[in-house]
């Protein structure tokens, strides 16, 4: 089977058109996939930021509790020797 030049050019152009169409289709699929990836990453980052904010609040509460414990310890240490002196008198 032999093809003349016109048929070969037509088949060649059709092949190129199909390849270009497939490349464009792949680009659209890649754009859709990349937008899905970006939205998933944004959701993860948002969740991590919320968790970090909660962690910061917890850390602040722990620091406040530590300060209160120190204050109460100092208060007990000051009052305890005074009460021991009263008992020994």
PDB file of N, CA and C in Angstrom:
ATOM      1  N   UNK A   1       0.853  -1.163   0.000  1.00  0.00           N
ATOM      2  CA  UNK A   1       0.000   0.000   0.000  1.00  0.00           C
ATOM      3  C   UNK A   1       0.902   1.230   0.000  1.00  0.00           C
ATOM      4  N   UNK A   2       0.651   2.102  -0.910  1.00  0.00           N
ATOM      5  CA  UNK A   2       1.445   3.318  -1.025  1.00  0.00           C
ATOM      6  C   UNK A   2       0.526   4.528  -0.895  1.00  0.00           C
ATOM      7  N   UNK A   3       1.078   5.571  -0.294  1.00  0.00           N
ATOM      8  CA  UNK A   3       0.327   6.813  -0.122  1.00  0.00           C
ATOM      9  C   UNK A   3       1.012   7.900  -0.914  1.00  0.00           C
ATOM     10  N   UNK A   4       0.222   8.778  -1.483  1.00  0.00           N
ATOM     11  CA  UNK A   4       0.818   9.916  -2.169  1.00  0.00           C
ATOM     12  C   UNK A   4       1.186  10.986  -1.146  1.00  0.00           C
ATOM     13  N   UNK A   5       1.856  12.001  -1.559  1.00  0.00           N
ATOM     14  CA  UNK A   5       2.363  13.043  -0.671  1.00  0.00           C
ATOM     15  C   UNK A   5       1.222  13.757   0.047  1.00  0.00           C
ATOM     16  N   UNK A   6       0.118  14.009  -0.610  1.00  0.00           N
ATOM     17  CA  UNK A   6      -1.015  14.705  -0.001  1.00  0.00           C
ATOM     18  C   UNK A   6      -1.613  13.903   1.147  1.00  0.00           C
ATOM     19  N   UNK A   7      -1.729  12.612   0.988  1.00  0.00           N
ATOM     20  CA  UNK A   7      -2.273  11.757   2.035  1.00  0.00           C
ATOM     21  C   UNK A   7      -1.332  11.701   3.224  1.00  0.00           C
ATOM     22  N   UNK A   8      -0.020  11.605   2.949  1.00  0.00           N
ATOM     23  CA  UNK A   8       0.964  11.585   4.038  1.00  0.00           C
ATOM     24  C   UNK A   8       0.940  12.886   4.828  1.00  0.00           C
ATOM     25  N   UNK A   9       0.807  14.001   4.127  1.00  0.00           N
ATOM     26  CA  UNK A   9       0.742  15.300   4.809  1.00  0.00           C
ATOM     27  C   UNK A   9      -0.525  15.369   5.652  1.00  0.00           C
ATOM     28  N   UNK A  10      -1.636  14.908   5.124  1.00  0.00           N
ATOM     29  CA  UNK A  10      -2.897  14.925   5.866  1.00  0.00           C
ATOM     30  C   UNK A  10      -2.805  14.053   7.114  1.00  0.00           C
ATOM     31  N   UNK A  11      -2.275  12.855   6.963  1.00  0.00           N
ATOM     32  CA  UNK A  11      -2.113  11.963   8.120  1.00  0.00           C
ATOM     33  C   UNK A  11      -1.124  12.547   9.129  1.00  0.00           C
ATOM     34  N   UNK A  12      -0.054  13.158   8.632  1.00  0.00           N
ATOM     35  CA  UNK A  12       0.934  13.783   9.522  1.00  0.00           C
ATOM     36  C   UNK A  12       0.324  14.923  10.317  1.00  0.00           C
ATOM     37  N   UNK A  13      -0.462  15.781   9.641  1.00  0.00           N
ATOM     38  CA  UNK A  13      -1.110  16.892  10.331  1.00  0.00           C
ATOM     39  C   UNK A  13      -2.139  16.392  11.342  1.00  0.00           C
ATOM     40  N   UNK A  14      -2.869  15.340  10.978  1.00  0.00           N
ATOM     41  CA  UNK A  14      -3.840  14.775  11.920  1.00  0.00           C
ATOM     42  C   UNK A  14      -3.121  14.211  13.144  1.00  0.00           C
ATOM     43  N   UNK A  15      -1.994  13.538  12.916  1.00  0.00           N
ATOM     44  CA  UNK A  15      -1.207  13.004  14.038  1.00  0.00           C
ATOM     45  C   UNK A  15      -0.699  14.114  14.944  1.00  0.00           C
ATOM     46  N   UNK A  16      -0.207  15.197  14.339  1.00  0.00           N
ATOM     47  CA  UNK A  16       0.283  16.334  15.120  1.00  0.00           C
ATOM     48  C   UNK A  16      -0.871  16.965  15.897  1.00  0.00           C
ATOM     49  N   UNK A  17      -2.041  17.074  15.267  1.00  0.00           N
ATOM     50  CA  UNK A  17      -3.201  17.656  15.946  1.00  0.00           C
ATOM     51  C   UNK A  17      -3.605  16.812  17.149  1.00  0.00           C
ATOM     52  N   UNK A  18      -3.583  15.493  17.000  1.00  0.00           N
ATOM     53  CA  UNK A  18      -3.922  14.609  18.119  1.00  0.00           C
ATOM     54  C   UNK A  18      -2.902  14.757  19.238  1.00  0.00           C
ATOM     55  N   UNK A  19      -1.624  14.839  18.889  1.00  0.00           N
ATOM     56  CA  UNK A  19      -0.573  14.997  19.907  1.00  0.00           C
ATOM     57  C   UNK A  19      -0.741  16.324  20.639  1.00  0.00           C
ATOM     58  N   UNK A  20      -1.002  17.395  19.903  1.00  0.00           N
ATOM     59  CA  UNK A  20      -1.210  18.708  20.528  1.00  0.00           C
ATOM     60  C   UNK A  20      -2.427  18.663  21.443  1.00  0.00           C
ATOM     61  N   UNK A  21      -3.509  18.030  20.992  1.00  0.00           N
ATOM     62  CA  UNK A  21      -4.717  17.910  21.811  1.00  0.00           C
ATOM     63  C   UNK A  21      -4.426  17.145  23.092  1.00  0.00           C
ATOM     64  N   UNK A  22      -3.667  16.040  22.990  1.00  0.00           N
ATOM     65  CA  UNK A  22      -3.327  15.252  24.180  1.00  0.00           C
ATOM     66  C   UNK A  22      -2.460  16.050  25.151  1.00  0.00           C
ATOM     67  N   UNK A  23      -1.516  16.820  24.626  1.00  0.00           N
ATOM     68  CA  UNK A  23      -0.654  17.634  25.491  1.00  0.00           C
ATOM     69  C   UNK A  23      -1.483  18.694  26.210  1.00  0.00           C
ATOM     70  N   UNK A  24      -2.407  19.325  25.483  1.00  0.00           N
ATOM     71  CA  UNK A  24      -3.263  20.330  26.123  1.00  0.00           C
ATOM     72  C   UNK A  24      -4.169  19.695  27.164  1.00  0.00           C
ATOM     73  N   UNK A  25      -4.696  18.504  26.852  1.00  0.00           N
ATOM     74  CA  UNK A  25      -5.539  17.788  27.802  1.00  0.00           C
ATOM     75  C   UNK A  25      -4.744  17.437  29.056  1.00  0.00           C
ATOM     76  N   UNK A  26      -3.513  16.992  28.857  1.00  0.00           N
ATOM     77  CA  UNK A  26      -2.660  16.669  30.009  1.00  0.00           C
ATOM     78  C   UNK A  26      -2.391  17.918  30.839  1.00  0.00           C
ATOM     79  N   UNK A  27      -2.190  19.047  30.187  1.00  0.00           N
ATOM     80  CA  UNK A  27      -1.979  20.300  30.901  1.00  0.00           C
ATOM     81  C   UNK A  27      -3.186  20.674  31.740  1.00  0.00           C
ATOM     82  N   UNK A  28      -4.386  20.460  31.190  1.00  0.00           N
ATOM     83  CA  UNK A  28      -5.599  20.754  31.958  1.00  0.00           C
ATOM     84  C   UNK A  28      -5.719  19.830  33.156  1.00  0.00           C
ATOM     85  N   UNK A  29      -5.410  18.564  32.933  1.00  0.00           N
ATOM     86  CA  UNK A  29      -5.460  17.601  34.033  1.00  0.00           C
ATOM     87  C   UNK A  29      -4.430  17.976  35.090  1.00  0.00           C
ATOM     88  N   UNK A  30      -3.233  18.354  34.640  1.00  0.00           N
ATOM     89  CA  UNK A  30      -2.191  18.753  35.589  1.00  0.00           C
ATOM     90  C   UNK A  30      -2.590  20.013  36.349  1.00  0.00           C
ATOM     91  N   UNK A  31      -3.221  20.965  35.664  1.00  0.00           N
ATOM     92  CA  UNK A  31      -3.675  22.177  36.350  1.00  0.00           C
ATOM     93  C   UNK A  31      -4.719  21.846  37.399  1.00  0.00           C
ATOM     94  N   UNK A  32      -5.644  20.945  37.047  1.00  0.00           N
ATOM     95  CA  UNK A  32      -6.673  20.551  38.004  1.00  0.00           C
ATOM     96  C   UNK A  32      -6.034  19.839  39.188  1.00  0.00           C
ATOM     97  N   UNK A  33      -5.095  18.933  38.898  1.00  0.00           N
ATOM     98  CA  UNK A  33      -4.422  18.204  39.978  1.00  0.00           C
ATOM     99  C   UNK A  33      -3.616  19.159  40.846  1.00  0.00           C
ATOM    100  N   UNK A  34      -2.927  20.106  40.222  1.00  0.00           N
ATOM    101  CA  UNK A  34      -2.125  21.034  41.021  1.00  0.00           C
ATOM    102  C   UNK A  34      -3.017  21.943  41.865  1.00  0.00           C
ATOM    103  N   UNK A  35      -4.187  22.330  41.335  1.00  0.00           N
ATOM    104  CA  UNK A  35      -5.089  23.155  42.151  1.00  0.00           C
ATOM    105  C   UNK A  35      -5.643  22.348  43.319  1.00  0.00           C
ATOM    106  N   UNK A  36      -5.901  21.044  43.100  1.00  0.00           N
ATOM    107  CA  UNK A  36      -6.349  20.193  44.202  1.00  0.00           C
ATOM    108  C   UNK A  36      -5.248  20.043  45.247  1.00  0.00           C
ATOM    109  N   UNK A  37      -4.010  19.907  44.788  1.00  0.00           N
ATOM    110  CA  UNK A  37      -2.880  19.785  45.716  1.00  0.00           C
ATOM    111  C   UNK A  37      -2.723  21.066  46.520  1.00  0.00           C
ATOM    112  N   UNK A  38      -2.825  22.207  45.847  1.00  0.00           N
ATOM    113  CA  UNK A  38      -2.689  23.493  46.542  1.00  0.00           C
ATOM    114  C   UNK A  38      -3.794  23.661  47.577  1.00  0.00           C
ATOM    115  N   UNK A  39      -5.033  23.291  47.223  1.00  0.00           N
ATOM    116  CA  UNK A  39      -6.118  23.436  48.195  1.00  0.00           C
ATOM    117  C   UNK A  39      -5.936  22.473  49.363  1.00  0.00           C
ATOM    118  N   UNK A  40      -5.431  21.262  49.095  1.00  0.00           N
ATOM    119  CA  UNK A  40      -5.167  20.315  50.188  1.00  0.00           C
ATOM    120  C   UNK A  40      -4.060  20.836  51.091  1.00  0.00           C
ATOM    121  N   UNK A  41      -3.004  21.386  50.499  1.00  0.00           N
ATOM    122  CA  UNK A  41      -1.911  21.945  51.304  1.00  0.00           C
ATOM    123  C   UNK A  41      -2.388  23.140  52.120  1.00  0.00           C
ATOM    124  N   UNK A  42      -3.247  23.960  51.544  1.00  0.00           N
ATOM    125  CA  UNK A  42      -3.793  25.098  52.275  1.00  0.00           C
ATOM    126  C   UNK A  42      -4.601  24.628  53.477  1.00  0.00           C
ATOM    127  N   UNK A  43      -5.381  23.572  53.289  1.00  0.00           N
ATOM    128  CA  UNK A  43      -6.166  23.032  54.404  1.00  0.00           C
ATOM    129  C   UNK A  43      -5.257  22.496  55.502  1.00  0.00           C
ATOM    130  N   UNK A  44      -4.173  21.815  55.109  1.00  0.00           N
ATOM    131  CA  UNK A  44      -3.233  21.278  56.100  1.00  0.00           C
ATOM    132  C   UNK A  44      -2.559  22.413  56.853  1.00  0.00           C
ATOM    133  N   UNK A  45      -2.120  23.440  56.134  1.00  0.00           N
ATOM    134  CA  UNK A  45      -1.451  24.576  56.777  1.00  0.00           C
ATOM    135  C   UNK A  45      -2.408  25.279  57.734  1.00  0.00           C
ATOM    136  N   UNK A  46      -3.654  25.447  57.334  1.00  0.00           N
ATOM    137  CA  UNK A  46      -4.649  26.080  58.204  1.00  0.00           C
ATOM    138  C   UNK A  46      -4.863  25.265  59.471  1.00  0.00           C
ATOM    139  N   UNK A  47      -4.953  23.948  59.319  1.00  0.00           N
ATOM    140  CA  UNK A  47      -5.128  23.082  60.493  1.00  0.00           C
ATOM    141  C   UNK A  47      -3.917  23.161  61.412  1.00  0.00           C
ATOM    142  N   UNK A  48      -2.717  23.185  60.830  1.00  0.00           N
ATOM    143  CA  UNK A  48      -1.507  23.285  61.652  1.00  0.00           C
ATOM    144  C   UNK A  48      -1.426  24.630  62.365  1.00  0.00           C
ATOM    145  N   UNK A  49      -1.840  25.698  61.693  1.00  0.00           N
ATOM    146  CA  UNK A  49      -1.827  27.006  62.339  1.00  0.00           C
ATOM    147  C   UNK A  49      -2.816  27.052  63.495  1.00  0.00           C
ATOM    148  N   UNK A  50      -3.970  26.439  63.320  1.00  0.00           N
ATOM    149  CA  UNK A  50      -4.951  26.388  64.413  1.00  0.00           C
ATOM    150  C   UNK A  50      -4.406  25.576  65.575  1.00  0.00           C
ATOM    151  N   UNK A  51      -3.747  24.474  65.257  1.00  0.00           N
ATOM    152  CA  UNK A  51      -3.162  23.636  66.306  1.00  0.00           C
ATOM    153  C   UNK A  51      -2.049  24.393  67.029  1.00  0.00           C
ATOM    154  N   UNK A  52      -1.246  25.137  66.263  1.00  0.00           N
ATOM    155  CA  UNK A  52      -0.167  25.920  66.859  1.00  0.00           C
ATOM    156  C   UNK A  52      -0.728  26.999  67.772  1.00  0.00           C
ATOM    157  N   UNK A  53      -1.814  27.636  67.344  1.00  0.00           N
ATOM    158  CA  UNK A  53      -2.438  28.665  68.182  1.00  0.00           C
ATOM    159  C   UNK A  53      -2.928  28.048  69.481  1.00  0.00           C
ATOM    160  N   UNK A  54      -3.518  26.873  69.398  1.00  0.00           N
ATOM    161  CA  UNK A  54      -3.944  26.170  70.608  1.00  0.00           C
ATOM    162  C   UNK A  54      -2.766  25.799  71.481  1.00  0.00           C
ATOM    163  N   UNK A  55      -1.668  25.420  70.837  1.00  0.00           N
ATOM    164  CA  UNK A  55      -0.459  25.071  71.586  1.00  0.00           C
ATOM    165  C   UNK A  55       0.093  26.297  72.305  1.00  0.00           C
ATOM    166  N   UNK A  56       0.073  27.443  71.624  1.00  0.00           N
ATOM    167  CA  UNK A  56       0.540  28.679  72.259  1.00  0.00           C
ATOM    168  C   UNK A  56      -0.314  29.023  73.473  1.00  0.00           C
ATOM    169  N   UNK A  57      -1.625  28.852  73.359  1.00  0.00           N
ATOM    170  CA  UNK A  57      -2.509  29.137  74.491  1.00  0.00           C
ATOM    171  C   UNK A  57      -2.226  28.179  75.639  1.00  0.00           C
ATOM    172  N   UNK A  58      -2.007  26.914  75.318  1.00  0.00           N
ATOM    173  CA  UNK A  58      -1.694  25.928  76.356  1.00  0.00           C
ATOM    174  C   UNK A  58      -0.379  26.275  77.030  1.00  0.00           C
ATOM    175  N   UNK A  59       0.622  26.653  76.241  1.00  0.00           N
ATOM    176  CA  UNK A  59       1.921  27.027  76.792  1.00  0.00           C
ATOM    177  C   UNK A  59       1.781  28.228  77.727  1.00  0.00           C
ATOM    178  N   UNK A  60       0.979  29.213  77.315  1.00  0.00           N
ATOM    179  CA  UNK A  60       0.763  30.387  78.163  1.00  0.00           C
ATOM    180  C   UNK A  60       0.084  30.004  79.472  1.00  0.00           C
ATOM    181  N   UNK A  61      -0.883  29.095  79.403  1.00  0.00           N
ATOM    182  CA  UNK A  61      -1.561  28.636  80.621  1.00  0.00           C
ATOM    183  C   UNK A  61      -0.592  27.903  81.544  1.00  0.00           C
ATOM    184  N   UNK A  62       0.272  27.088  80.971  1.00  0.00           N
ATOM    185  CA  UNK A  62       1.261  26.362  81.785  1.00  0.00           C
ATOM    186  C   UNK A  62       2.202  27.346  82.466  1.00  0.00           C
ATOM    187  N   UNK A  63       2.623  28.373  81.745  1.00  0.00           N
ATOM    188  CA  UNK A  63       3.509  29.383  82.337  1.00  0.00           C
ATOM    189  C   UNK A  63       2.795  30.101  83.478  1.00  0.00           C
ATOM    190  N   UNK A  64       1.523  30.453  83.289  1.00  0.00           N
ATOM    191  CA  UNK A  64       0.763  31.106  84.365  1.00  0.00           C
ATOM    192  C   UNK A  64       0.651  30.196  85.582  1.00  0.00           C
ATOM    193  N   UNK A  65       0.374  28.919  85.346  1.00  0.00           N
ATOM    194  CA  UNK A  65       0.272  27.974  86.465  1.00  0.00           C
ATOM    195  C   UNK A  65       1.607  27.830  87.195  1.00  0.00           C
ATOM    196  N   UNK A  66       2.699  27.797  86.445  1.00  0.00           N
ATOM    197  CA  UNK A  66       4.014  27.707  87.081  1.00  0.00           C
ATOM    198  C   UNK A  66       4.284  28.932  87.944  1.00  0.00           C
ATOM    199  N   UNK A  67       3.907  30.102  87.447  1.00  0.00           N
ATOM    200  CA  UNK A  67       4.099  31.322  88.234  1.00  0.00           C
ATOM    201  C   UNK A  67       3.248  31.296  89.499  1.00  0.00           C
ATOM    202  N   UNK A  68       2.015  30.811  89.391  1.00  0.00           N
ATOM    203  CA  UNK A  68       1.153  30.715  90.571  1.00  0.00           C
ATOM    204  C   UNK A  68       1.717  29.715  91.574  1.00  0.00           C
ATOM    205  N   UNK A  69       2.251  28.597  91.076  1.00  0.00           N
ATOM    206  CA  UNK A  69       2.849  27.603  91.979  1.00  0.00           C
ATOM    207  C   UNK A  69       4.047  28.200  92.700  1.00  0.00           C
ATOM    208  N   UNK A  70       4.884  28.953  91.984  1.00  0.00           N
ATOM    209  CA  UNK A  70       6.035  29.599  92.630  1.00  0.00           C
ATOM    210  C   UNK A  70       5.568  30.579  93.704  1.00  0.00           C
ATOM    211  N   UNK A  71       4.555  31.364  93.358  1.00  0.00           N
ATOM    212  CA  UNK A  71       4.043  32.344  94.316  1.00  0.00           C
ATOM    213  C   UNK A  71       3.492  31.647  95.561  1.00  0.00           C
ATOM    214  N   UNK A  72       2.697  30.595  95.359  1.00  0.00           N
ATOM    215  CA  UNK A  72       2.138  29.861  96.499  1.00  0.00           C
ATOM    216  C   UNK A  72       3.230  29.172  97.312  1.00  0.00           C
ATOM    217  N   UNK A  73       4.244  28.648  96.641  1.00  0.00           N
ATOM    218  CA  UNK A  73       5.359  28.013  97.356  1.00  0.00           C
ATOM    219  C   UNK A  73       6.078  29.029  98.226  1.00  0.00           C
ATOM    220  N   UNK A  74       6.338  30.211  97.669  1.00  0.00           N
ATOM    221  CA  UNK A  74       6.989  31.263  98.458  1.00  0.00           C
ATOM    222  C   UNK A  74       6.120  31.676  99.641  1.00  0.00           C
ATOM    223  N   UNK A  75       4.829  31.794  99.407  1.00  0.00           N
ATOM    224  CA  UNK A  75       3.912  32.166 100.477  1.00  0.00           C
ATOM    225  C   UNK A  75       3.901  31.106 101.581  1.00  0.00           C
ATOM    226  N   UNK A  76       3.854  29.835 101.198  1.00  0.00           N
ATOM    227  CA  UNK A  76       3.864  28.742 102.185  1.00  0.00           C
ATOM    228  C   UNK A  76       5.174  28.734 102.959  1.00  0.00           C
ATOM    229  N   UNK A  77       6.283  28.940 102.249  1.00  0.00           N
ATOM    230  CA  UNK A  77       7.583  28.944 102.934  1.00  0.00           C
ATOM    231  C   UNK A  77       7.687  30.100 103.917  1.00  0.00           C
ATOM    232  N   UNK A  78       7.091  31.240 103.576  1.00  0.00           N
ATOM    233  CA  UNK A  78       7.123  32.364 104.517  1.00  0.00           C
ATOM    234  C   UNK A  78       6.233  32.104 105.722  1.00  0.00           C
ATOM    235  N   UNK A  79       5.053  31.527 105.495  1.00  0.00           N
ATOM    236  CA  UNK A  79       4.113  31.302 106.586  1.00  0.00           C
ATOM    237  C   UNK A  79       4.474  30.087 107.429  1.00  0.00           C
ATOM    238  N   UNK A  80       5.079  29.089 106.826  1.00  0.00           N
ATOM    239  CA  UNK A  80       5.389  27.864 107.548  1.00  0.00           C
ATOM    240  C   UNK A  80       6.376  28.094 108.687  1.00  0.00           C
ATOM    241  N   UNK A  81       7.469  28.791 108.489  1.00  0.00           N
ATOM    242  CA  UNK A  81       8.360  29.029 109.635  1.00  0.00           C
ATOM    243  C   UNK A  81       7.676  29.838 110.733  1.00  0.00           C
ATOM    244  N   UNK A  82       6.795  30.761 110.374  1.00  0.00           N
ATOM    245  CA  UNK A  82       6.086  31.540 111.387  1.00  0.00           C
ATOM    246  C   UNK A  82       5.172  30.634 112.198  1.00  0.00           C
ATOM    247  N   UNK A  83       4.503  29.702 111.573  1.00  0.00           N
ATOM    248  CA  UNK A  83       3.619  28.803 112.316  1.00  0.00           C
ATOM    249  C   UNK A  83       4.428  27.836 113.167  1.00  0.00           C
ATOM    250  N   UNK A  84       5.604  27.435 112.715  1.00  0.00           N
ATOM    251  CA  UNK A  84       6.454  26.547 113.515  1.00  0.00           C
ATOM    252  C   UNK A  84       6.955  27.276 114.761  1.00  0.00           C
ATOM    253  N   UNK A  85       7.238  28.562 114.610  1.00  0.00           N
ATOM    254  CA  UNK A  85       7.691  29.328 115.777  1.00  0.00           C
ATOM    255  C   UNK A  85       6.590  29.417 116.820  1.00  0.00           C
ATOM    256  N   UNK A  86       5.353  29.596 116.383  1.00  0.00           N
ATOM    257  CA  UNK A  86       4.233  29.685 117.316  1.00  0.00           C
ATOM    258  C   UNK A  86       4.021  28.364 118.034  1.00  0.00           C
ATOM    259  N   UNK A  87       4.197  27.246 117.335  1.00  0.00           N
ATOM    260  CA  UNK A  87       4.002  25.931 117.939  1.00  0.00           C
ATOM    261  C   UNK A  87       5.082  25.673 118.985  1.00  0.00           C
ATOM    262  N   UNK A  88       6.310  26.067 118.719  1.00  0.00           N
ATOM    263  CA  UNK A  88       7.399  25.795 119.658  1.00  0.00           C
ATOM    264  C   UNK A  88       7.347  26.712 120.871  1.00  0.00           C
ATOM    265  N   UNK A  89       6.653  27.831 120.805  1.00  0.00           N
ATOM    266  CA  UNK A  89       6.574  28.745 121.949  1.00  0.00           C
ATOM    267  C   UNK A  89       5.660  28.229 122.944  1.00  0.00           C
TER     268      UNK A  89
END
